[in-house]
């Protein structure tokens, strides 16, 4: 019985993949986190616009509006989980004795 691990790799969002060693430099981690924060912000503002346009009667149907809100909520939850893991890793490194 063999598992196809390559299929799991396709789930990782492209903007969060690790950079190649040639392009990795100082501040790359900060750039990745800033880009992730921007993406979450864009999703939340898009969801807010979808709700406002639906309430005004000019937007899409209710189903599309709810999907936009849920997508933004899931992106925020995922970002918070990543943040929690980063903070946990930082705390673990700080506990190491030199």
N, C-alpha and C. Protein backbone atom coordinates (compact mmCIF):
# COMPACT_ATOMS: atom_id res chain seq x y z
N UNK A 1 0.85 -1.18 0.00
CA UNK A 1 0.00 0.00 0.00
C UNK A 1 0.89 1.24 0.00
N UNK A 2 0.79 2.02 -1.03
CA UNK A 2 1.61 3.23 -1.11
C UNK A 2 0.69 4.45 -1.16
N UNK A 3 1.12 5.51 -0.51
CA UNK A 3 0.36 6.75 -0.48
C UNK A 3 0.95 7.74 -1.47
N UNK A 4 0.11 8.46 -2.14
CA UNK A 4 0.56 9.48 -3.09
C UNK A 4 0.71 10.79 -2.33
N UNK A 5 1.91 11.09 -1.89
CA UNK A 5 2.16 12.30 -1.10
C UNK A 5 2.19 13.53 -1.99
N UNK A 6 2.51 13.39 -3.24
CA UNK A 6 2.56 14.53 -4.16
C UNK A 6 1.20 15.21 -4.28
N UNK A 7 0.12 14.47 -4.15
CA UNK A 7 -1.22 15.07 -4.26
C UNK A 7 -1.47 16.04 -3.11
N UNK A 8 -0.89 15.80 -1.96
CA UNK A 8 -1.07 16.68 -0.81
C UNK A 8 -0.35 18.00 -1.04
N UNK A 9 0.76 17.98 -1.72
CA UNK A 9 1.56 19.19 -1.95
C UNK A 9 0.77 20.24 -2.73
N UNK A 10 -0.16 19.84 -3.56
CA UNK A 10 -0.91 20.80 -4.36
C UNK A 10 -1.87 21.63 -3.53
N UNK A 11 -2.11 21.25 -2.29
CA UNK A 11 -3.02 21.99 -1.42
C UNK A 11 -2.38 23.29 -0.93
N UNK A 12 -1.06 23.34 -0.82
CA UNK A 12 -0.36 24.51 -0.29
C UNK A 12 -0.57 25.69 -1.22
N UNK A 13 -1.05 26.84 -0.70
CA UNK A 13 -1.24 28.01 -1.55
C UNK A 13 0.10 28.47 -2.13
N UNK A 14 0.14 28.90 -3.38
CA UNK A 14 1.40 29.28 -4.01
C UNK A 14 2.11 30.44 -3.33
N UNK A 15 1.39 31.40 -2.75
CA UNK A 15 2.06 32.53 -2.14
C UNK A 15 2.73 32.17 -0.81
N UNK A 16 2.43 30.99 -0.26
CA UNK A 16 3.03 30.59 1.01
C UNK A 16 4.13 29.55 0.84
N UNK A 17 4.44 29.14 -0.37
CA UNK A 17 5.50 28.18 -0.57
C UNK A 17 6.83 28.82 -0.24
N UNK A 18 7.79 28.00 0.19
CA UNK A 18 9.09 28.52 0.56
C UNK A 18 9.83 28.99 -0.69
N UNK A 19 10.55 30.10 -0.58
CA UNK A 19 11.29 30.61 -1.74
C UNK A 19 12.52 29.76 -2.01
N UNK A 20 13.03 29.82 -3.23
CA UNK A 20 14.24 29.08 -3.55
C UNK A 20 15.42 29.71 -2.82
N UNK A 21 16.47 28.94 -2.67
CA UNK A 21 17.62 29.43 -1.92
C UNK A 21 18.27 30.63 -2.60
N UNK A 22 18.12 30.75 -3.91
CA UNK A 22 18.72 31.88 -4.62
C UNK A 22 17.99 33.18 -4.30
N UNK A 23 16.67 33.13 -4.12
CA UNK A 23 15.92 34.35 -3.87
C UNK A 23 15.70 34.62 -2.38
N UNK A 24 16.11 33.68 -1.53
CA UNK A 24 15.93 33.88 -0.09
C UNK A 24 16.94 34.91 0.39
N UNK A 25 16.47 35.86 1.13
CA UNK A 25 17.36 36.88 1.63
C UNK A 25 16.84 37.44 2.94
N UNK A 26 17.47 38.50 3.35
CA UNK A 26 17.08 39.14 4.60
C UNK A 26 15.68 39.72 4.47
N UNK A 27 14.81 39.42 5.42
CA UNK A 27 13.47 39.96 5.42
C UNK A 27 12.47 39.17 4.60
N UNK A 28 12.86 38.03 4.06
CA UNK A 28 11.95 37.24 3.23
C UNK A 28 10.76 36.73 4.05
N UNK A 29 11.01 36.30 5.28
CA UNK A 29 9.93 35.82 6.14
C UNK A 29 8.95 36.95 6.43
N UNK A 30 9.47 38.12 6.66
CA UNK A 30 8.61 39.28 6.90
C UNK A 30 7.77 39.59 5.67
N UNK A 31 8.35 39.46 4.49
CA UNK A 31 7.60 39.72 3.25
C UNK A 31 6.48 38.71 3.07
N UNK A 32 6.74 37.44 3.40
CA UNK A 32 5.72 36.41 3.27
C UNK A 32 4.57 36.69 4.23
N UNK A 33 4.90 37.06 5.46
CA UNK A 33 3.84 37.36 6.44
C UNK A 33 3.06 38.62 6.05
N UNK A 34 3.75 39.61 5.54
CA UNK A 34 3.05 40.83 5.11
C UNK A 34 2.11 40.53 3.95
N UNK A 35 2.55 39.69 3.02
CA UNK A 35 1.69 39.32 1.91
C UNK A 35 0.47 38.55 2.40
N UNK A 36 0.66 37.67 3.37
CA UNK A 36 -0.47 36.91 3.92
C UNK A 36 -1.45 37.83 4.62
N UNK A 37 -0.95 38.81 5.36
CA UNK A 37 -1.82 39.77 6.04
C UNK A 37 -2.60 40.58 5.01
N UNK A 38 -1.94 40.98 3.93
CA UNK A 38 -2.62 41.73 2.87
C UNK A 38 -3.73 40.90 2.23
N UNK A 39 -3.46 39.61 1.99
CA UNK A 39 -4.47 38.74 1.38
C UNK A 39 -5.69 38.59 2.28
N UNK A 40 -5.45 38.44 3.59
CA UNK A 40 -6.57 38.32 4.53
C UNK A 40 -7.37 39.62 4.55
N UNK A 41 -6.67 40.74 4.54
CA UNK A 41 -7.34 42.04 4.53
C UNK A 41 -8.18 42.24 3.27
N UNK A 42 -7.63 41.82 2.12
CA UNK A 42 -8.37 41.94 0.87
C UNK A 42 -9.62 41.07 0.89
N UNK A 43 -9.50 39.87 1.45
CA UNK A 43 -10.66 38.97 1.52
C UNK A 43 -11.74 39.56 2.42
N UNK A 44 -11.32 40.15 3.55
CA UNK A 44 -12.30 40.73 4.46
C UNK A 44 -12.97 41.96 3.86
N UNK A 45 -12.20 42.79 3.16
CA UNK A 45 -12.82 43.97 2.55
C UNK A 45 -13.72 43.57 1.38
N UNK A 46 -13.35 42.52 0.65
CA UNK A 46 -14.20 42.02 -0.41
C UNK A 46 -15.51 41.47 0.12
N UNK A 47 -15.44 40.79 1.27
CA UNK A 47 -16.65 40.26 1.88
C UNK A 47 -17.54 41.41 2.37
N UNK A 48 -16.93 42.43 2.94
CA UNK A 48 -17.71 43.58 3.40
C UNK A 48 -18.39 44.29 2.23
N UNK A 49 -17.68 44.41 1.12
CA UNK A 49 -18.28 45.03 -0.07
C UNK A 49 -19.41 44.18 -0.63
N UNK A 50 -19.25 42.85 -0.59
CA UNK A 50 -20.30 41.97 -1.07
C UNK A 50 -21.56 42.12 -0.22
N UNK A 51 -21.39 42.22 1.08
CA UNK A 51 -22.53 42.38 1.99
C UNK A 51 -23.21 43.73 1.73
N UNK A 52 -22.41 44.79 1.60
CA UNK A 52 -22.99 46.12 1.37
C UNK A 52 -23.74 46.19 0.04
N UNK A 53 -23.17 45.59 -0.99
CA UNK A 53 -23.86 45.64 -2.28
C UNK A 53 -25.12 44.77 -2.27
N UNK A 54 -25.09 43.67 -1.51
CA UNK A 54 -26.30 42.85 -1.40
C UNK A 54 -27.39 43.60 -0.65
N UNK A 55 -27.01 44.30 0.42
CA UNK A 55 -28.00 45.05 1.20
C UNK A 55 -28.59 46.21 0.39
N UNK A 56 -27.80 46.77 -0.51
CA UNK A 56 -28.31 47.85 -1.36
C UNK A 56 -29.15 47.32 -2.52
N UNK A 57 -29.10 46.01 -2.75
CA UNK A 57 -29.87 45.42 -3.82
C UNK A 57 -29.18 45.42 -5.17
N UNK A 58 -27.89 45.78 -5.18
CA UNK A 58 -27.18 45.85 -6.46
C UNK A 58 -26.21 44.70 -6.63
N UNK A 59 -26.03 43.88 -5.65
CA UNK A 59 -25.02 42.84 -5.72
C UNK A 59 -25.56 41.51 -6.20
N UNK A 60 -24.75 40.49 -6.01
CA UNK A 60 -25.11 39.14 -6.40
C UNK A 60 -26.19 38.58 -5.48
N UNK A 61 -26.48 37.32 -5.69
CA UNK A 61 -27.49 36.67 -4.86
C UNK A 61 -26.94 36.40 -3.45
N UNK A 62 -27.80 35.99 -2.56
CA UNK A 62 -27.43 35.75 -1.16
C UNK A 62 -26.38 34.67 -1.04
N UNK A 63 -26.48 33.65 -1.88
CA UNK A 63 -25.53 32.54 -1.83
C UNK A 63 -24.09 33.02 -2.06
N UNK A 64 -23.87 33.84 -3.06
CA UNK A 64 -22.52 34.36 -3.36
C UNK A 64 -22.00 35.25 -2.23
N UNK A 65 -22.90 36.02 -1.65
CA UNK A 65 -22.50 36.90 -0.55
C UNK A 65 -22.07 36.08 0.66
N UNK A 66 -22.83 35.06 1.00
CA UNK A 66 -22.48 34.21 2.14
C UNK A 66 -21.17 33.47 1.88
N UNK A 67 -20.96 33.02 0.65
CA UNK A 67 -19.70 32.35 0.32
C UNK A 67 -18.51 33.29 0.48
N UNK A 68 -18.66 34.54 0.09
CA UNK A 68 -17.57 35.50 0.24
C UNK A 68 -17.25 35.73 1.71
N UNK A 69 -18.28 35.83 2.54
CA UNK A 69 -18.07 36.03 3.97
C UNK A 69 -17.41 34.80 4.61
N UNK A 70 -17.87 33.62 4.23
CA UNK A 70 -17.29 32.40 4.78
C UNK A 70 -15.84 32.22 4.33
N UNK A 71 -15.54 32.56 3.09
CA UNK A 71 -14.17 32.46 2.58
C UNK A 71 -13.25 33.38 3.37
N UNK A 72 -13.71 34.60 3.62
CA UNK A 72 -12.91 35.55 4.40
C UNK A 72 -12.71 35.05 5.82
N UNK A 73 -13.75 34.46 6.39
CA UNK A 73 -13.65 33.91 7.75
C UNK A 73 -12.65 32.76 7.81
N UNK A 74 -12.69 31.88 6.83
CA UNK A 74 -11.75 30.76 6.80
C UNK A 74 -10.31 31.23 6.60
N UNK A 75 -10.12 32.23 5.74
CA UNK A 75 -8.77 32.77 5.55
C UNK A 75 -8.24 33.38 6.84
N UNK A 76 -9.09 34.09 7.56
CA UNK A 76 -8.67 34.68 8.82
C UNK A 76 -8.34 33.59 9.84
N UNK A 77 -9.18 32.56 9.93
CA UNK A 77 -8.91 31.47 10.86
C UNK A 77 -7.60 30.76 10.54
N UNK A 78 -7.34 30.54 9.24
CA UNK A 78 -6.10 29.90 8.85
C UNK A 78 -4.90 30.77 9.20
N UNK A 79 -5.02 32.07 8.96
CA UNK A 79 -3.92 32.97 9.30
C UNK A 79 -3.67 32.98 10.81
N UNK A 80 -4.73 32.94 11.60
CA UNK A 80 -4.54 32.91 13.05
C UNK A 80 -3.86 31.63 13.50
N UNK A 81 -4.14 30.51 12.87
CA UNK A 81 -3.47 29.26 13.20
C UNK A 81 -1.98 29.34 12.85
N UNK A 82 -1.67 29.93 11.71
CA UNK A 82 -0.26 30.11 11.34
C UNK A 82 0.43 31.02 12.34
N UNK A 83 -0.24 32.10 12.71
CA UNK A 83 0.34 33.02 13.71
C UNK A 83 0.59 32.31 15.02
N UNK A 84 -0.35 31.49 15.46
CA UNK A 84 -0.18 30.75 16.71
C UNK A 84 1.01 29.81 16.63
N UNK A 85 1.20 29.15 15.49
CA UNK A 85 2.34 28.25 15.32
C UNK A 85 3.66 29.02 15.33
N UNK A 86 3.69 30.18 14.69
CA UNK A 86 4.91 30.99 14.68
C UNK A 86 5.25 31.47 16.08
N UNK A 87 4.26 31.93 16.83
CA UNK A 87 4.50 32.38 18.20
C UNK A 87 4.96 31.21 19.06
N UNK A 88 4.36 30.05 18.89
CA UNK A 88 4.77 28.87 19.65
C UNK A 88 6.21 28.48 19.32
N UNK A 89 6.58 28.53 18.04
CA UNK A 89 7.95 28.20 17.66
C UNK A 89 8.93 29.22 18.22
N UNK A 90 8.56 30.49 18.21
CA UNK A 90 9.42 31.53 18.78
C UNK A 90 9.62 31.30 20.28
N UNK A 91 8.55 30.98 20.97
CA UNK A 91 8.66 30.73 22.41
C UNK A 91 9.53 29.51 22.70
N UNK A 92 9.43 28.51 21.85
CA UNK A 92 10.25 27.31 22.03
C UNK A 92 11.73 27.62 21.81
N UNK A 93 12.03 28.44 20.80
CA UNK A 93 13.41 28.82 20.55
C UNK A 93 13.95 29.65 21.70
N UNK A 94 13.13 30.50 22.27
CA UNK A 94 13.58 31.34 23.39
C UNK A 94 13.84 30.51 24.65
N UNK A 95 13.18 29.36 24.76
CA UNK A 95 13.39 28.47 25.91
C UNK A 95 14.67 27.64 25.80
N UNK A 96 15.24 27.57 24.61
CA UNK A 96 16.46 26.77 24.42
C UNK A 96 17.61 27.39 25.21
N UNK A 97 18.40 26.52 25.81
CA UNK A 97 19.56 27.00 26.56
C UNK A 97 20.78 26.98 25.67
N UNK A 98 21.52 28.04 25.75
CA UNK A 98 22.73 28.13 24.92
C UNK A 98 23.93 27.64 25.69
